[in-house]
Amino acid sequence: MDRGVKAERLMREPMLVEAFVALDEYYTEAWKDSPLDAQTERETIFMYISALREVRAHLAQIAKTGELAASQRDAMTKTAIY
């Protein structure tokens, strides 16, 4: 199975979607509720939020690249047939 297809399936997997949403909400609330003078804690929470979003963006990029590759493959196949 193509990497792009696998990434797309993962991004649509209900348990993974739920986990991303729940963790993003949890970390965002923890960051908002943390004391302003707790710089280390706030920075750590912000790193968690950033890492979570980077994983999601990475999967989205793999899915998009896979869609583009499939589209190009299809176009080449159609051109070769005619």
Protein backbone atom coordinates (compact mmCIF):
# COMPACT_ATOMS: atom_id res chain seq x y z
CA MET A 1 0.00 0.00 0.00
CA ASP A 2 1.21 3.48 -0.87
CA ARG A 3 2.56 5.71 1.95
CA GLY A 4 0.16 8.49 0.99
CA VAL A 5 -2.82 6.16 1.25
CA LYS A 6 -1.61 4.88 4.61
CA ALA A 7 -1.16 8.42 5.92
CA GLU A 8 -4.63 9.39 4.69
CA ARG A 9 -6.15 6.37 6.43
CA LEU A 10 -4.36 7.24 9.66
CA MET A 11 -5.64 10.81 9.50
CA ARG A 12 -9.19 9.49 9.13
CA GLU A 13 -8.86 6.84 11.84
CA PRO A 14 -11.41 7.85 14.48
CA MET A 15 -9.26 6.86 17.47
CA LEU A 16 -6.27 8.81 16.17
CA VAL A 17 -8.41 11.84 15.31
CA GLU A 18 -9.90 11.69 18.80
CA ALA A 19 -6.44 11.42 20.36
CA PHE A 20 -5.12 14.44 18.42
CA VAL A 21 -8.13 16.56 19.38
CA ALA A 22 -8.14 15.48 23.03
CA LEU A 23 -4.41 16.04 23.49
CA ASP A 24 -4.45 19.38 21.70
CA GLU A 25 -7.33 20.57 23.89
CA TYR A 26 -5.71 19.21 27.06
CA TYR A 27 -2.31 20.80 26.41
CA THR A 28 -3.83 24.09 25.26
CA GLU A 29 -5.95 24.33 28.41
CA ALA A 30 -2.98 23.37 30.58
CA TRP A 31 -0.94 26.11 28.92
CA LYS A 32 -3.72 28.70 29.36
CA ASP A 33 -4.21 27.72 33.01
CA SER A 34 -0.53 27.71 33.92
CA PRO A 35 0.77 30.62 35.97
CA LEU A 36 2.51 33.33 33.96
CA ASP A 37 5.59 33.01 36.14
CA ALA A 38 5.90 29.25 35.45
CA GLN A 39 8.04 29.78 32.37
CA THR A 40 9.60 26.30 32.25
CA GLU A 41 6.23 24.59 32.62
CA ARG A 42 4.65 26.81 29.96
CA GLU A 43 7.52 26.21 27.54
CA THR A 44 7.31 22.45 28.05
CA ILE A 45 3.56 22.44 27.42
CA PHE A 46 4.07 24.61 24.34
CA MET A 47 6.64 22.08 23.03
CA TYR A 48 4.06 19.30 23.48
CA ILE A 49 1.49 21.30 21.53
CA SER A 50 4.02 22.05 18.79
CA ALA A 51 5.14 18.43 18.51
CA LEU A 52 1.56 17.20 18.29
CA ARG A 53 0.80 19.66 15.50
CA GLU A 54 4.02 18.74 13.67
CA VAL A 55 3.06 15.06 13.67
CA ARG A 56 -0.36 15.92 12.26
CA ALA A 57 1.19 18.21 9.61
CA HIS A 58 3.73 15.53 8.68
CA LEU A 59 0.98 12.97 8.09
CA ALA A 60 -0.97 15.52 6.05
CA GLN A 61 2.10 16.24 3.92
CA ILE A 62 2.69 12.53 3.26
CA ALA A 63 -0.97 12.12 2.28
CA LYS A 64 -0.83 15.15 -0.03
CA THR A 65 2.42 14.01 -1.65
CA GLY A 66 0.87 10.57 -2.17
CA GLU A 67 -2.20 12.10 -3.83
CA LEU A 68 0.01 14.14 -6.14
CA ALA A 69 2.10 11.09 -7.07
CA ALA A 70 -1.03 9.04 -7.76
CA SER A 71 -2.44 11.83 -9.90
CA GLN A 72 0.79 12.04 -11.89
CA ARG A 73 0.88 8.25 -12.30
CA ASP A 74 -2.69 8.28 -13.59
CA ALA A 75 -1.91 11.09 -16.03
CA MET A 76 1.14 9.23 -17.33
CA THR A 77 -0.85 6.02 -17.72
CA LYS A 78 -3.59 7.79 -19.68
CA THR A 79 -1.02 9.49 -21.90
CA ALA A 80 0.76 6.18 -22.56
CA ILE A 81 -2.53 4.49 -23.54
CA TYR A 82 -3.38 7.10 -26.17
